[in-house]
Protein backbone atom coordinates (compact mmCIF):
# COMPACT_ATOMS: atom_id res chain seq x y z
CA MET A 1 -82.12 127.35 -87.56
CA GLY A 2 -78.49 128.25 -88.35
CA GLY A 3 -75.43 126.92 -86.44
CA ALA A 4 -74.85 130.10 -84.42
CA ASP A 5 -78.67 129.81 -83.49
CA LEU A 6 -78.21 126.58 -82.23
CA ALA A 7 -75.18 127.28 -80.03
CA ARG A 8 -77.06 130.22 -78.53
CA VAL A 9 -80.08 128.01 -77.72
CA GLU A 10 -77.63 125.17 -76.23
CA LEU A 11 -75.90 127.97 -74.22
CA ILE A 12 -79.63 128.92 -72.66
CA ARG A 13 -80.23 125.42 -71.99
CA GLU A 14 -76.82 125.16 -70.24
CA ALA A 15 -77.56 128.11 -68.35
CA PHE A 16 -81.06 126.72 -66.95
CA HIS A 17 -79.54 123.44 -66.04
CA TYR A 18 -77.02 124.89 -63.55
CA GLN A 19 -79.54 127.30 -62.31
CA SER A 20 -82.38 124.82 -61.47
CA ARG A 21 -79.28 122.94 -60.04
CA PHE A 22 -77.84 125.75 -57.70
CA ALA A 23 -80.78 128.11 -57.25
CA GLY A 24 -81.33 128.74 -53.38
CA SER A 25 -77.83 127.32 -52.43
CA THR A 26 -75.08 129.79 -50.57
CA MET A 27 -72.16 131.06 -52.56
CA VAL A 28 -69.33 133.05 -50.93
CA PHE A 29 -67.33 135.58 -53.01
CA LYS A 30 -63.81 136.55 -51.73
CA ILE A 31 -62.85 139.31 -53.97
CA ASP A 32 -59.25 140.90 -53.79
CA PHE A 33 -59.22 144.71 -53.28
CA PRO A 34 -57.64 145.27 -56.75
CA VAL A 35 -60.78 143.92 -58.41
CA THR A 36 -62.44 147.20 -56.95
CA GLU A 37 -60.14 149.44 -59.24
CA ASP A 38 -60.54 147.31 -62.45
CA PRO A 39 -62.68 148.87 -65.11
CA GLY A 40 -64.85 145.82 -65.06
CA PHE A 41 -65.76 146.01 -61.35
CA PRO A 42 -69.36 147.48 -62.26
CA VAL A 43 -69.85 144.59 -64.53
CA LEU A 44 -68.96 142.00 -61.81
CA MET A 45 -71.39 143.90 -59.44
CA ARG A 46 -74.35 143.72 -62.12
CA ASP A 47 -73.50 140.08 -62.47
CA LEU A 48 -73.50 139.50 -58.71
CA ALA A 49 -76.79 141.51 -58.19
CA LEU A 50 -78.41 139.33 -61.06
CA LEU A 51 -77.40 136.21 -59.20
CA ALA A 52 -79.02 137.72 -55.97
CA ARG A 53 -82.01 138.55 -57.83
CA THR A 54 -82.68 135.24 -59.44
CA GLY A 55 -82.71 133.32 -56.23
CA PHE A 56 -79.13 132.63 -55.18
CA ARG A 57 -77.86 133.28 -51.72
CA ILE A 58 -74.80 135.65 -52.10
CA VAL A 59 -72.37 136.46 -49.47
CA ILE A 60 -69.29 139.00 -50.22
CA VAL A 61 -66.19 139.14 -48.57
CA PRO A 62 -63.91 141.84 -49.53
CA GLY A 63 -60.19 141.69 -49.45
CA ALA A 64 -58.64 145.15 -48.03
CA LYS A 65 -54.90 144.44 -47.97
CA GLU A 66 -53.86 147.22 -50.59
CA TRP A 67 -56.24 149.71 -49.43
CA ILE A 68 -55.28 149.32 -45.75
CA ASP A 69 -51.34 149.68 -46.90
CA SER A 70 -52.49 152.78 -48.56
CA VAL A 71 -54.16 154.26 -45.83
CA LEU A 72 -51.60 153.36 -43.25
CA ALA A 73 -48.90 154.63 -45.57
CA GLU A 74 -50.74 158.15 -45.83
CA TYR A 75 -50.67 158.72 -42.27
CA GLY A 76 -46.92 157.48 -41.84
CA ILE A 77 -47.61 154.10 -40.41
CA VAL A 78 -45.27 151.15 -41.19
CA SER A 79 -46.83 147.77 -41.27
CA LYS A 80 -45.07 144.77 -39.91
CA TYR A 81 -45.60 141.36 -40.54
CA SER A 82 -45.03 137.94 -38.64
CA GLY A 83 -45.70 134.75 -40.86
CA GLY A 84 -47.18 136.78 -43.71
CA ILE A 85 -49.87 138.37 -41.32
CA ARG A 86 -50.08 141.81 -40.65
CA ILE A 87 -49.10 142.92 -36.89
CA THR A 88 -51.92 145.42 -36.25
CA GLY A 89 -50.92 147.79 -33.46
CA ALA A 90 -53.51 149.79 -31.49
CA GLN A 91 -52.02 153.11 -33.29
CA SER A 92 -53.34 151.71 -36.54
CA MET A 93 -56.56 149.84 -35.65
CA SER A 94 -58.85 152.67 -36.18
CA PHE A 95 -57.12 153.29 -39.64
CA VAL A 96 -57.59 149.47 -40.67
CA GLU A 97 -61.37 149.69 -39.68
CA MET A 98 -61.70 152.97 -41.66
CA ALA A 99 -60.26 151.11 -44.78
CA ALA A 100 -61.98 148.00 -44.22
CA PHE A 101 -65.41 149.93 -44.36
CA HIS A 102 -64.52 152.05 -46.94
CA VAL A 103 -63.82 148.97 -49.45
CA ALA A 104 -66.94 147.31 -48.03
CA ASN A 105 -68.82 150.24 -49.10
CA ARG A 106 -67.89 149.90 -52.65
CA PHE A 107 -69.44 146.76 -52.93
CA MET A 108 -72.41 148.25 -50.96
CA THR A 109 -72.91 150.74 -53.53
CA GLY A 110 -72.02 148.65 -56.63
CA LEU A 111 -74.89 146.24 -55.54
CA SER A 112 -77.20 149.20 -55.12
CA ALA A 113 -76.71 150.55 -58.52
CA ASP A 114 -78.30 147.40 -59.50
CA ARG A 115 -81.19 147.88 -56.99
CA VAL A 116 -79.92 144.96 -55.01
CA ASP A 117 -79.85 145.58 -50.97
CA ALA A 118 -76.86 144.74 -48.90
CA VAL A 119 -75.84 144.78 -45.33
CA ILE A 120 -72.19 145.56 -44.28
CA GLY A 121 -72.53 144.15 -40.58
CA ASN A 122 -70.53 142.78 -37.32
CA PHE A 123 -71.16 139.05 -38.64
CA VAL A 124 -67.67 137.79 -37.18
CA ARG A 125 -66.97 137.09 -33.75
CA ALA A 126 -63.17 137.19 -33.03
CA ARG A 127 -60.46 136.67 -30.73
CA GLY A 128 -57.05 137.82 -30.77
CA ILE A 129 -54.05 135.79 -31.89
CA GLY A 130 -51.98 136.75 -28.93
CA VAL A 131 -48.43 136.07 -28.55
CA ILE A 132 -46.86 134.04 -31.48
CA ASP A 133 -43.07 132.96 -31.15
CA GLY A 134 -42.24 135.94 -28.89
CA THR A 135 -44.39 138.28 -31.32
CA ASP A 136 -47.20 140.14 -29.86
CA MET A 137 -49.91 140.35 -32.64
CA GLU A 138 -51.91 142.97 -30.68
CA ASN A 139 -54.98 143.58 -32.54
CA THR A 140 -54.80 140.81 -35.22
CA GLY A 141 -57.27 138.36 -34.45
CA ARG A 142 -58.78 135.12 -36.07
CA VAL A 143 -62.44 133.86 -36.56
CA ASP A 144 -63.97 132.62 -33.34
CA LYS A 145 -67.40 132.17 -34.66
CA ILE A 146 -69.39 133.27 -37.87
CA LEU A 147 -73.07 134.39 -36.90
CA THR A 148 -74.87 132.15 -39.12
CA ASP A 149 -78.12 133.12 -37.79
CA SER A 150 -77.64 136.79 -38.30
CA ILE A 151 -76.28 136.34 -41.90
CA GLY A 152 -79.42 133.94 -42.56
CA ARG A 153 -81.86 136.67 -41.58
CA VAL A 154 -80.09 139.01 -44.09
CA LEU A 155 -80.05 136.32 -46.84
CA GLY A 156 -83.71 135.47 -46.14
CA GLN A 157 -84.64 138.83 -46.77
CA GLY A 158 -83.16 138.74 -50.41
CA MET A 159 -80.15 140.96 -49.22
CA VAL A 160 -76.29 140.40 -49.55
CA PRO A 161 -74.14 140.07 -46.50
CA ILE A 162 -70.99 142.11 -46.61
CA LEU A 163 -68.29 140.86 -44.39
CA PRO A 164 -65.37 143.31 -44.11
CA CYS A 165 -61.90 141.93 -42.69
CA ILE A 166 -62.93 143.00 -39.12
CA GLY A 167 -64.45 140.70 -36.24
CA TRP A 168 -65.32 141.69 -32.76
CA SER A 169 -64.88 140.04 -29.49
CA PRO A 170 -68.04 139.54 -27.21
CA ALA A 171 -66.91 142.49 -25.50
CA GLY A 172 -66.97 144.62 -28.60
CA LYS A 173 -63.11 144.89 -29.15
CA PRO A 174 -62.27 144.94 -33.06
CA TYR A 175 -59.62 142.83 -34.41
CA ASN A 176 -58.18 142.83 -37.95
CA VAL A 177 -58.92 139.42 -39.36
CA PRO A 178 -57.16 138.12 -42.58
CA SER A 179 -60.17 138.05 -45.31
CA ASP A 180 -58.96 134.86 -46.43
CA GLU A 181 -59.82 133.19 -42.87
CA ILE A 182 -63.20 134.78 -42.90
CA ALA A 183 -64.07 133.63 -46.27
CA LEU A 184 -63.02 130.00 -45.21
CA ALA A 185 -64.98 130.32 -42.19
CA ALA A 186 -68.15 131.31 -43.55
CA SER A 187 -68.10 129.21 -46.47
CA SER A 188 -67.92 126.15 -43.83
CA ALA A 189 -70.28 127.74 -41.34
CA LEU A 190 -72.88 128.45 -44.06
CA GLY A 191 -72.74 124.99 -45.81
CA ALA A 192 -71.70 127.00 -49.07
CA ALA A 193 -72.34 125.16 -52.45
CA LYS A 194 -69.30 127.29 -53.89
CA LEU A 195 -66.61 129.52 -52.65
CA PHE A 196 -65.48 131.99 -55.65
CA ILE A 197 -61.99 133.54 -55.25
CA VAL A 198 -62.05 136.58 -57.48
CA THR A 199 -58.73 138.53 -58.54
CA VAL A 200 -57.17 140.41 -61.34
CA HIS A 201 -54.24 138.20 -62.42
CA ASP A 202 -53.58 135.34 -64.91
CA GLY A 203 -55.04 131.90 -63.60
CA LEU A 204 -53.22 128.60 -63.58
CA CYS A 205 -52.19 128.01 -67.00
CA ARG A 206 -49.81 125.90 -68.91
CA GLY A 207 -46.25 127.06 -69.02
CA PHE A 208 -46.60 128.48 -65.66
CA PHE A 209 -45.80 125.43 -63.81
CA ASP A 210 -44.52 121.84 -64.49
CA PRO A 211 -47.95 120.22 -64.68
CA PRO A 212 -48.42 116.74 -63.31
CA PRO A 213 -49.75 113.74 -65.58
CA ASP A 214 -53.73 113.79 -66.16
CA ILE A 215 -53.94 117.47 -65.58
CA ASP A 216 -56.87 118.86 -67.88
CA PHE A 217 -56.17 121.94 -69.94
CA GLU A 218 -58.32 124.15 -72.11
CA GLU A 219 -57.43 125.28 -75.69
CA ASP A 220 -56.16 128.59 -74.21
CA GLY A 221 -54.01 126.80 -71.82
CA ARG A 222 -56.02 127.22 -68.75
CA VAL A 223 -56.44 124.38 -66.19
CA THR A 224 -59.86 123.85 -65.92
CA SER A 225 -60.27 121.62 -62.92
CA LEU A 226 -58.61 120.11 -59.97
CA THR A 227 -59.19 117.54 -57.28
CA PRO A 228 -57.76 118.36 -53.92
CA GLN A 229 -55.02 115.65 -54.32
CA GLU A 230 -54.09 117.30 -57.65
CA THR A 231 -54.19 120.75 -56.02
CA GLU A 232 -51.44 119.41 -53.56
CA THR A 233 -49.36 118.25 -56.54
CA VAL A 234 -49.60 121.58 -58.37
CA LEU A 235 -48.64 123.59 -55.21
CA ARG A 236 -45.36 121.29 -54.92
CA SER A 237 -44.56 122.09 -58.78
CA LEU A 238 -45.05 125.82 -58.39
CA PRO A 239 -41.70 127.55 -59.16
CA SER A 240 -39.24 128.67 -56.64
CA PRO A 241 -38.30 131.46 -56.45
CA PRO A 242 -42.16 132.34 -57.13
CA ALA A 243 -41.91 134.55 -60.02
CA GLY A 244 -45.39 135.26 -59.71
CA ALA A 245 -46.71 131.94 -58.30
CA ASP A 246 -46.95 133.36 -54.45
CA LYS A 247 -50.46 134.88 -55.12
CA THR A 248 -51.43 131.67 -57.00
CA ALA A 249 -50.17 129.51 -54.48
CA ALA A 250 -52.03 131.40 -51.77
CA GLU A 251 -55.06 130.99 -53.71
CA LEU A 252 -54.49 127.32 -53.91
CA ARG A 253 -53.87 126.78 -50.41
CA LEU A 254 -57.07 128.48 -49.43
CA ALA A 255 -59.01 126.47 -52.09
CA LEU A 256 -57.62 123.28 -50.62
CA LYS A 257 -58.36 124.27 -46.96
CA ALA A 258 -61.96 125.13 -48.00
CA SER A 259 -62.28 122.08 -50.01
CA ARG A 260 -61.26 120.05 -46.81
CA ALA A 261 -63.63 121.87 -44.82
CA GLY A 262 -66.58 120.71 -46.95
CA VAL A 263 -66.95 123.05 -49.78
CA GLU A 264 -67.61 121.11 -52.77
CA ARG A 265 -66.37 123.66 -55.44
CA VAL A 266 -63.93 126.34 -55.18
CA HIS A 267 -63.40 128.58 -58.20
CA LEU A 268 -60.64 130.71 -59.07
CA ILE A 269 -61.73 133.68 -61.37
CA ASP A 270 -59.96 136.27 -63.16
CA ALA A 271 -62.39 139.50 -62.90
CA ARG A 272 -60.87 141.33 -65.82
CA GLU A 273 -62.92 138.84 -68.12
CA SER A 274 -66.16 140.24 -68.49
CA GLY A 275 -68.90 137.83 -67.29
CA SER A 276 -66.44 135.36 -65.87
CA VAL A 277 -68.30 134.41 -62.75
CA LEU A 278 -71.58 133.95 -64.91
CA ARG A 279 -69.44 131.82 -67.55
CA GLU A 280 -68.00 129.60 -64.71
CA LEU A 281 -71.41 129.01 -63.11
CA PHE A 282 -73.50 128.66 -66.12
CA SER A 283 -71.25 126.58 -68.36
CA ASN A 284 -69.82 123.40 -68.65
CA LEU A 285 -66.41 124.89 -69.88
CA GLY A 286 -66.40 127.82 -67.38
CA SER A 287 -63.95 130.56 -67.29
CA GLY A 288 -61.31 129.81 -64.19
CA THR A 289 -60.13 126.69 -62.69
CA MET A 290 -62.50 124.94 -60.21
CA ILE A 291 -61.13 122.75 -57.23
CA TYR A 292 -63.72 120.15 -56.54
CA VAL A 293 -64.20 117.18 -53.93
CA ASP A 294 -63.80 113.98 -55.79
CA GLU A 295 -67.32 112.73 -55.93
CA TYR A 296 -66.13 109.53 -57.34
CA GLU A 297 -63.79 108.53 -54.79
CA SER A 298 -66.31 105.41 -53.77
CA ILE A 299 -66.57 104.36 -57.29
CA ARG A 300 -64.00 101.68 -58.61
CA PRO A 301 -63.75 99.25 -61.51
CA LEU A 302 -65.90 96.21 -61.52
CA ARG A 303 -64.43 93.12 -59.87
CA THR A 304 -65.29 89.28 -60.91
CA LYS A 305 -66.82 88.91 -57.31
CA ASP A 306 -68.91 92.17 -57.86
CA ILE A 307 -70.95 90.51 -60.76
CA ALA A 308 -73.50 88.88 -58.62
CA ASP A 309 -74.47 92.08 -56.54
CA ILE A 310 -74.74 94.21 -59.86
CA LEU A 311 -76.97 91.47 -61.17
CA ARG A 312 -79.08 91.64 -58.10
CA ILE A 313 -79.53 95.32 -58.35
CA MET A 314 -80.11 95.28 -62.05
CA GLU A 315 -82.67 92.59 -61.97
CA PRO A 316 -85.95 94.78 -60.96
CA LEU A 317 -85.05 97.18 -63.92
CA MET A 318 -84.47 94.19 -66.11
CA LYS A 319 -87.88 92.88 -65.29
CA GLN A 320 -89.38 96.30 -65.73
CA GLY A 321 -87.70 96.54 -69.20
CA VAL A 322 -86.09 99.57 -68.14
CA LEU A 323 -82.67 97.61 -68.57
CA ILE A 324 -81.94 94.94 -71.33
CA ARG A 325 -81.41 91.61 -70.02
CA ARG A 326 -77.97 90.50 -69.06
CA ASP A 327 -76.26 87.59 -67.59
CA SER A 328 -72.92 86.96 -65.86
CA GLN A 329 -71.20 85.85 -68.85
CA ASP A 330 -72.28 88.97 -70.66
CA ILE A 331 -70.86 91.34 -68.07
CA GLN A 332 -67.82 89.10 -67.68
CA GLU A 333 -67.09 89.53 -71.32
CA LYS A 334 -67.06 93.33 -70.77
CA LYS A 335 -66.11 93.74 -67.07
CA GLU A 336 -63.56 96.42 -68.08
CA ASP A 337 -66.36 98.86 -69.21
CA TYR A 338 -68.11 98.78 -65.84
CA VAL A 339 -67.80 100.79 -62.71
CA VAL A 340 -69.75 100.12 -59.08
CA PHE A 341 -70.32 102.43 -56.29
CA GLU A 342 -69.20 100.79 -52.94
CA ILE A 343 -70.50 101.95 -49.55
CA ASP A 344 -68.82 100.23 -46.55
CA GLY A 345 -67.74 97.43 -48.44
CA SER A 346 -70.91 96.81 -50.26
CA VAL A 347 -72.08 97.62 -53.88
CA HIS A 348 -74.87 99.72 -54.36
CA ALA A 349 -74.72 100.98 -57.72
CA CYS A 350 -73.36 100.17 -61.28
CA GLY A 351 -72.67 101.49 -64.74
CA ALA A 352 -70.47 100.74 -67.75
CA LEU A 353 -68.97 102.82 -70.79
CA HIS A 354 -69.09 100.88 -74.29
CA ASN A 355 -66.45 102.27 -76.92
CA TRP A 356 -68.20 101.95 -80.14
CA GLY A 357 -65.37 103.74 -82.28
CA GLU A 358 -65.86 106.65 -84.24
CA GLY A 359 -65.41 108.83 -81.32
CA GLN A 360 -68.37 107.42 -79.37
CA GLY A 361 -69.41 105.81 -76.17
CA GLU A 362 -72.50 104.40 -74.85
CA ILE A 363 -73.35 104.65 -71.03
CA ALA A 364 -75.33 101.54 -70.33
CA ALA A 365 -76.59 99.19 -67.41
CA VAL A 366 -76.74 102.33 -64.89
CA ALA A 367 -78.73 100.86 -61.78
CA THR A 368 -78.98 101.72 -58.23
CA ASP A 369 -80.02 99.79 -55.17
CA PRO A 370 -83.48 101.22 -54.56
CA ALA A 371 -82.68 101.40 -50.58
CA PHE A 372 -79.94 103.88 -51.98
CA ALA A 373 -81.95 105.75 -54.71
CA GLU A 374 -81.88 109.34 -52.57
CA MET A 375 -78.47 109.36 -52.72
CA GLY A 376 -77.99 110.32 -56.44
CA LEU A 377 -75.39 107.30 -56.99
CA GLY A 378 -76.75 106.97 -60.79
CA ARG A 379 -76.20 110.37 -61.23
CA ARG A 380 -72.64 110.54 -59.76
CA ILE A 381 -71.97 107.18 -61.75
CA VAL A 382 -72.80 108.68 -65.25
CA ARG A 383 -70.83 111.78 -64.25
CA CYS A 384 -67.78 109.02 -63.64
CA LEU A 385 -68.30 107.56 -66.89
CA ILE A 386 -68.56 110.91 -68.86
CA ASP A 387 -65.07 111.72 -67.31
CA ARG A 388 -63.84 108.27 -68.28
CA ALA A 389 -64.87 108.93 -71.79
CA LYS A 390 -63.32 112.38 -72.13
CA LYS A 391 -59.80 110.82 -70.92
CA GLN A 392 -60.42 108.24 -73.67
CA GLY A 393 -60.74 111.19 -76.21
CA LEU A 394 -64.17 110.37 -77.07
CA GLY A 395 -66.26 113.47 -78.44
CA ARG A 396 -69.68 112.09 -77.49
CA VAL A 397 -71.81 109.70 -75.37
CA PHE A 398 -74.88 108.40 -75.75
CA ALA A 399 -77.48 106.02 -73.91
CA LEU A 400 -80.54 103.99 -75.19
CA THR A 401 -83.62 104.43 -73.18
CA THR A 402 -86.99 103.43 -73.09
CA GLN A 403 -88.48 104.93 -69.87
CA THR A 404 -85.83 107.11 -68.10
CA ARG A 405 -85.50 110.05 -70.89
CA ASP A 406 -86.26 112.57 -68.53
CA TRP A 407 -83.63 111.62 -66.28
CA PHE A 408 -81.26 111.78 -69.21
CA GLU A 409 -82.45 115.32 -69.96
CA PHE A 410 -81.82 116.26 -66.40
CA LEU A 411 -78.28 115.09 -66.58
CA GLY A 412 -77.77 117.55 -69.99
CA PHE A 413 -78.32 114.68 -72.76
CA ARG A 414 -80.49 115.80 -75.88
CA GLU A 415 -82.70 113.49 -77.72
CA ASP A 416 -80.74 112.27 -81.18
CA SER A 417 -81.50 109.79 -83.87
CA VAL A 418 -80.56 106.39 -84.72
CA GLU A 419 -78.70 107.39 -87.64
CA SER A 420 -76.33 109.44 -85.25
CA LEU A 421 -75.38 106.30 -83.78
CA PRO A 422 -71.61 104.87 -84.77
CA ARG A 423 -72.01 102.10 -87.63
CA GLN A 424 -71.44 99.02 -85.52
CA LYS A 425 -74.07 100.05 -82.72
CA ARG A 426 -76.60 100.82 -85.36
CA GLU A 427 -76.13 97.36 -86.70
CA SER A 428 -76.92 95.98 -83.36
CA TYR A 429 -79.73 98.55 -82.76
CA ASP A 430 -83.27 96.49 -81.66
CA GLN A 431 -85.86 97.78 -83.63
CA GLY A 432 -88.63 95.98 -81.73
CA ARG A 433 -87.36 97.76 -78.55
CA LYS A 434 -87.53 101.06 -80.10
CA SER A 435 -85.04 102.67 -77.51
CA LYS A 436 -84.83 106.51 -77.81
CA VAL A 437 -81.29 108.08 -78.19
CA PHE A 438 -80.03 110.41 -75.84
CA ALA A 439 -76.58 112.00 -76.56
CA LEU A 440 -74.00 114.46 -74.69
CA GLU A 441 -71.29 116.15 -76.71
CA LEU A 442 -68.07 116.35 -74.80
């Protein structure tokens, strides 16, 4: 099998890994109106239909601002804004409804073309904003409640709910509600695993702003991922006057709010790139920028006083032969390689990254307190060590295991030969233990 064939196989493996990880989870797609005008819109709808057919719970929140502007202008109605929010008067409300449902219908039509049913519904309970700083916002509202039971029934039937930028009061009065606010409220209320913000402009790239230290860039200059803390720093560094940064800033602010509302992953995607959603979802490198809640915030470097705790955690695994035997001196000598997972001041998991040179690091001594086994602490330790390896400039990590091959395969590692190890590690390899080598290219 040639190199190109191997790369395709690896891509398929990657896709299946992410499919198994996220299948059955809810994903909210907030999609700007200009996306519907782009030639790639049918392809995007085909990709979303594919996700819906393969077990993902897809919710769409269409943006309609530009189309509403066009409809109102056609009827000679000039929109006024307060604090960046449209003031929707009684005269314009019927036209806003017409425009919002027209845009929502484009999405339903696009999904229907790929044999996926969708429902445009009154899933948003709203209330009027009222008078703000002396300005009557009239028929402009905010989300009061997302009707999760109704949305759940639609999703349960394998259909896609579409939430236009309209909400209704309990008495049936319609309000114009910003789609960003609906997307945020829906993501939080539905416990979405991901929020996708889909646009048609260049994303966050090198040269667009003064990057803070430790920000990761792809070869094409794209920012691949940010923590909420890094997102705040980026927002402060965006150019002023905006020079195109206003749209990006609005998306980053929405992503930051979503992260703080409990959405673990928010993705900023340029729909002009064919297959961008699938590449972002099913590949390690992705295609956009991901804002993710830092799952390592409870992980910290090992302190000398922790050594007794991690030996206690490792002891059952050392007795079973899952881990090689270590003592306090062994750990102290390589203390800088270790991290621990702390909960309420107590250590409940550990792991180490040993740099063996030749661009390779070993992930070792991964152990979890059995009482906390269901929390996935070992997996989070390994991911943290992988990130540490990347920051050290390593191109590959490996693990030696006798009894946990399935677990490492689940994390994306692939079996390799002892000969693939760096020279120093090969020379110390225990032939009697006959550990299997599992590696992950970074």
